[in-house]
Amino acid sequence: MKVGHEIPVNSTAARVMGRGEVYESRKKYSAICQDVPPAMRKPTSQELGSQSWADLSGVRFGRFTVIAQAAEVKGWVVRCSCGNYSTRSAKSIRNPNNSTDCCEECRHLLYLKRSEIWRRTGKHVEWGELA
């Protein structure tokens, strides 16, 4: 069974992957993107009883879906549509300006796609239009 980034996202990606063509980026990412989800935990009874705490599990923002609370760090474990896992704070999840948020790998690929459109057509494309 294939999971995450091994599954083609559309017919063009399927044709490219079928021919064995792969793009490997040499970019060094500052944020941590993992194929395996970081340790997660269930909310404590104190958090459940608090008026200010809200369960964000299942919330979608940008390309991310919130999975659960992170165990080691303060924040939430999120899964990108490409299959990478990362952690985000509750503030960034609730921020309405994060409608195009994605992992570092996806952001780099969107940057390359945007640059290629600019090179070929000379047109400026917004981030939200590329998703």
C-alpha atoms as a PDB file:
ATOM      1  CA  MET A   1       0.000   0.000   0.000  1.00  0.00           C
ATOM      2  CA  LYS A   2       1.335   3.420  -0.946  1.00  0.00           C
ATOM      3  CA  VAL A   3       0.915   6.360   1.403  1.00  0.00           C
ATOM      4  CA  GLY A   4       1.512  10.082   1.261  1.00  0.00           C
ATOM      5  CA  HIS A   5       3.895  11.363  -1.356  1.00  0.00           C
ATOM      6  CA  GLU A   6       4.178   7.991  -3.144  1.00  0.00           C
ATOM      7  CA  ILE A   7       0.654   8.346  -4.574  1.00  0.00           C
ATOM      8  CA  PRO A   8       0.346  10.604  -7.650  1.00  0.00           C
ATOM      9  CA  VAL A   9      -1.895  13.606  -7.036  1.00  0.00           C
ATOM     10  CA  ASN A  10      -3.273  13.850 -10.580  1.00  0.00           C
ATOM     11  CA  SER A  11      -2.983  12.319 -14.060  1.00  0.00           C
ATOM     12  CA  THR A  12       0.073  14.391 -14.997  1.00  0.00           C
ATOM     13  CA  ALA A  13       1.898  13.271 -11.865  1.00  0.00           C
ATOM     14  CA  ALA A  14       0.890   9.661 -12.601  1.00  0.00           C
ATOM     15  CA  ARG A  15       2.405   9.868 -16.109  1.00  0.00           C
ATOM     16  CA  VAL A  16       5.616  11.387 -14.764  1.00  0.00           C
ATOM     17  CA  MET A  17       5.924   8.804 -11.981  1.00  0.00           C
ATOM     18  CA  GLY A  18       5.090   6.019 -14.442  1.00  0.00           C
ATOM     19  CA  ARG A  19       8.116   6.947 -16.555  1.00  0.00           C
ATOM     20  CA  GLY A  20      10.316   6.957 -13.501  1.00  0.00           C
ATOM     21  CA  GLU A  21      11.013  10.683 -13.590  1.00  0.00           C
ATOM     22  CA  VAL A  22      11.689  12.092 -10.145  1.00  0.00           C
ATOM     23  CA  TYR A  23      12.610  15.555  -8.941  1.00  0.00           C
ATOM     24  CA  GLU A  24      14.959  15.501  -5.963  1.00  0.00           C
ATOM     25  CA  SER A  25      15.483  18.876  -4.363  1.00  0.00           C
ATOM     26  CA  ARG A  26      18.845  19.720  -2.827  1.00  0.00           C
ATOM     27  CA  LYS A  27      17.305  22.529  -0.802  1.00  0.00           C
ATOM     28  CA  LYS A  28      17.974  22.444   2.932  1.00  0.00           C
ATOM     29  CA  TYR A  29      14.729  22.938   4.820  1.00  0.00           C
ATOM     30  CA  SER A  30      14.709  24.957   8.023  1.00  0.00           C
ATOM     31  CA  ALA A  31      11.440  23.467   9.312  1.00  0.00           C
ATOM     32  CA  ILE A  32      11.174  19.802  10.150  1.00  0.00           C
ATOM     33  CA  CYS A  33       9.031  17.797   7.740  1.00  0.00           C
ATOM     34  CA  GLN A  34       8.816  14.096   8.509  1.00  0.00           C
ATOM     35  CA  ASP A  35       7.388  11.071   6.702  1.00  0.00           C
ATOM     36  CA  VAL A  36       6.513   9.537  10.075  1.00  0.00           C
ATOM     37  CA  PRO A  37       4.216  11.438  12.457  1.00  0.00           C
ATOM     38  CA  PRO A  38       5.803  12.775  15.650  1.00  0.00           C
ATOM     39  CA  ALA A  39       4.597  11.477  19.012  1.00  0.00           C
ATOM     40  CA  MET A  40       1.015  12.456  19.793  1.00  0.00           C
ATOM     41  CA  ARG A  41      -1.045  12.556  22.958  1.00  0.00           C
ATOM     42  CA  LYS A  42      -4.666  12.742  24.039  1.00  0.00           C
ATOM     43  CA  PRO A  43      -5.931  15.898  25.768  1.00  0.00           C
ATOM     44  CA  THR A  44      -5.726  15.882  29.551  1.00  0.00           C
ATOM     45  CA  SER A  45      -8.818  16.177  31.746  1.00  0.00           C
ATOM     46  CA  GLN A  46      -7.636  19.627  32.798  1.00  0.00           C
ATOM     47  CA  GLU A  47      -7.541  20.757  29.142  1.00  0.00           C
ATOM     48  CA  LEU A  48     -10.961  19.247  28.468  1.00  0.00           C
ATOM     49  CA  GLY A  49     -12.430  21.131  31.445  1.00  0.00           C
ATOM     50  CA  SER A  50     -10.905  24.454  30.450  1.00  0.00           C
ATOM     51  CA  GLN A  51     -13.125  27.052  28.756  1.00  0.00           C
ATOM     52  CA  SER A  52     -10.262  28.434  26.629  1.00  0.00           C
ATOM     53  CA  TRP A  53      -9.098  25.074  25.216  1.00  0.00           C
ATOM     54  CA  ALA A  54     -10.564  23.915  21.902  1.00  0.00           C
ATOM     55  CA  ASP A  55     -10.061  20.569  20.180  1.00  0.00           C
ATOM     56  CA  LEU A  56      -8.599  21.353  16.752  1.00  0.00           C
ATOM     57  CA  SER A  57      -8.409  17.719  15.555  1.00  0.00           C
ATOM     58  CA  GLY A  58      -9.734  17.395  12.014  1.00  0.00           C
ATOM     59  CA  VAL A  59      -9.480  21.110  11.199  1.00  0.00           C
ATOM     60  CA  ARG A  60      -8.162  21.882   7.699  1.00  0.00           C
ATOM     61  CA  PHE A  61      -6.120  25.003   6.959  1.00  0.00           C
ATOM     62  CA  GLY A  62      -4.163  25.472   3.779  1.00  0.00           C
ATOM     63  CA  ARG A  63      -2.835  22.064   2.797  1.00  0.00           C
ATOM     64  CA  PHE A  64      -2.714  20.862   6.409  1.00  0.00           C
ATOM     65  CA  THR A  65      -5.101  18.710   8.415  1.00  0.00           C
ATOM     66  CA  VAL A  66      -4.740  18.717  12.203  1.00  0.00           C
ATOM     67  CA  ILE A  67      -4.239  15.174  13.543  1.00  0.00           C
ATOM     68  CA  ALA A  68      -3.714  15.484  17.330  1.00  0.00           C
ATOM     69  CA  GLN A  69      -1.715  17.303  19.992  1.00  0.00           C
ATOM     70  CA  ALA A  70       2.051  16.877  19.927  1.00  0.00           C
ATOM     71  CA  ALA A  71       3.534  14.996  22.884  1.00  0.00           C
ATOM     72  CA  GLU A  72       7.043  16.461  23.155  1.00  0.00           C
ATOM     73  CA  VAL A  73       6.450  20.072  22.123  1.00  0.00           C
ATOM     74  CA  LYS A  74       3.620  22.500  22.685  1.00  0.00           C
ATOM     75  CA  GLY A  75       1.474  22.490  19.586  1.00  0.00           C
ATOM     76  CA  TRP A  76      -0.459  20.270  17.218  1.00  0.00           C
ATOM     77  CA  VAL A  77       0.648  17.542  14.795  1.00  0.00           C
ATOM     78  CA  VAL A  78      -0.498  18.358  11.266  1.00  0.00           C
ATOM     79  CA  ARG A  79      -0.355  16.351   8.030  1.00  0.00           C
ATOM     80  CA  CYS A  80       0.239  18.063   4.699  1.00  0.00           C
ATOM     81  CA  SER A  81      -1.635  16.906   1.603  1.00  0.00           C
ATOM     82  CA  CYS A  82       1.681  15.538   0.268  1.00  0.00           C
ATOM     83  CA  GLY A  83       1.984  13.197   3.267  1.00  0.00           C
ATOM     84  CA  ASN A  84       4.584  15.031   5.363  1.00  0.00           C
ATOM     85  CA  TYR A  85       3.978  15.633   9.062  1.00  0.00           C
ATOM     86  CA  SER A  86       4.910  18.723  11.011  1.00  0.00           C
ATOM     87  CA  THR A  87       3.897  20.620  14.152  1.00  0.00           C
ATOM     88  CA  ARG A  88       2.083  23.951  14.279  1.00  0.00           C
ATOM     89  CA  SER A  89       0.859  26.146  17.107  1.00  0.00           C
ATOM     90  CA  ALA A  90      -2.848  26.665  17.758  1.00  0.00           C
ATOM     91  CA  LYS A  91      -2.389  30.347  16.885  1.00  0.00           C
ATOM     92  CA  SER A  92      -1.114  29.541  13.387  1.00  0.00           C
ATOM     93  CA  ILE A  93      -3.926  27.019  12.841  1.00  0.00           C
ATOM     94  CA  ARG A  94      -6.591  29.587  13.754  1.00  0.00           C
ATOM     95  CA  ASN A  95      -4.960  32.398  11.741  1.00  0.00           C
ATOM     96  CA  PRO A  96      -7.244  33.215   8.767  1.00  0.00           C
ATOM     97  CA  ASN A  97      -4.229  34.422   6.756  1.00  0.00           C
ATOM     98  CA  ASN A  98      -2.836  30.862   6.646  1.00  0.00           C
ATOM     99  CA  SER A  99      -5.181  29.748   3.873  1.00  0.00           C
ATOM    100  CA  THR A 100      -2.200  28.770   1.693  1.00  0.00           C
ATOM    101  CA  ASP A 101      -0.014  27.230   4.428  1.00  0.00           C
ATOM    102  CA  CYS A 102       1.872  24.066   3.486  1.00  0.00           C
ATOM    103  CA  CYS A 103       5.039  22.169   4.394  1.00  0.00           C
ATOM    104  CA  GLU A 104       8.489  23.371   3.339  1.00  0.00           C
ATOM    105  CA  GLU A 105       8.752  20.820   0.519  1.00  0.00           C
ATOM    106  CA  CYS A 106       5.403  21.849  -0.980  1.00  0.00           C
ATOM    107  CA  ARG A 107       6.300  25.525  -0.581  1.00  0.00           C
ATOM    108  CA  HIS A 108       9.547  24.963  -2.482  1.00  0.00           C
ATOM    109  CA  LEU A 109       7.723  23.109  -5.282  1.00  0.00           C
ATOM    110  CA  LEU A 110       5.102  25.874  -5.495  1.00  0.00           C
ATOM    111  CA  TYR A 111       7.913  28.426  -5.720  1.00  0.00           C
ATOM    112  CA  LEU A 112       9.476  26.478  -8.600  1.00  0.00           C
ATOM    113  CA  LYS A 113       6.097  26.186 -10.327  1.00  0.00           C
ATOM    114  CA  ARG A 114       5.459  29.914  -9.886  1.00  0.00           C
ATOM    115  CA  SER A 115       8.915  30.757 -11.233  1.00  0.00           C
ATOM    116  CA  GLU A 116       8.361  28.519 -14.263  1.00  0.00           C
ATOM    117  CA  ILE A 117       5.012  30.199 -15.044  1.00  0.00           C
ATOM    118  CA  TRP A 118       6.714  33.596 -14.779  1.00  0.00           C
ATOM    119  CA  ARG A 119       9.554  32.447 -17.043  1.00  0.00           C
ATOM    120  CA  ARG A 120       7.215  31.060 -19.727  1.00  0.00           C
ATOM    121  CA  THR A 121       4.390  33.613 -19.696  1.00  0.00           C
ATOM    122  CA  GLY A 122       5.638  36.671 -17.801  1.00  0.00           C
ATOM    123  CA  LYS A 123       2.507  36.564 -15.646  1.00  0.00           C
ATOM    124  CA  HIS A 124       2.528  36.889 -11.874  1.00  0.00           C
ATOM    125  CA  VAL A 125       0.548  34.103 -10.181  1.00  0.00           C
ATOM    126  CA  GLU A 126      -0.686  34.303  -6.575  1.00  0.00           C
ATOM    127  CA  TRP A 127       0.153  31.448  -4.191  1.00  0.00           C
ATOM    128  CA  GLY A 128      -3.516  30.567  -3.718  1.00  0.00           C
ATOM    129  CA  GLU A 129      -3.989  30.016  -7.466  1.00  0.00           C
ATOM    130  CA  LEU A 130      -1.276  27.326  -7.567  1.00  0.00           C
ATOM    131  CA  ALA A 131      -2.854  25.046  -4.947  1.00  0.00           C
END
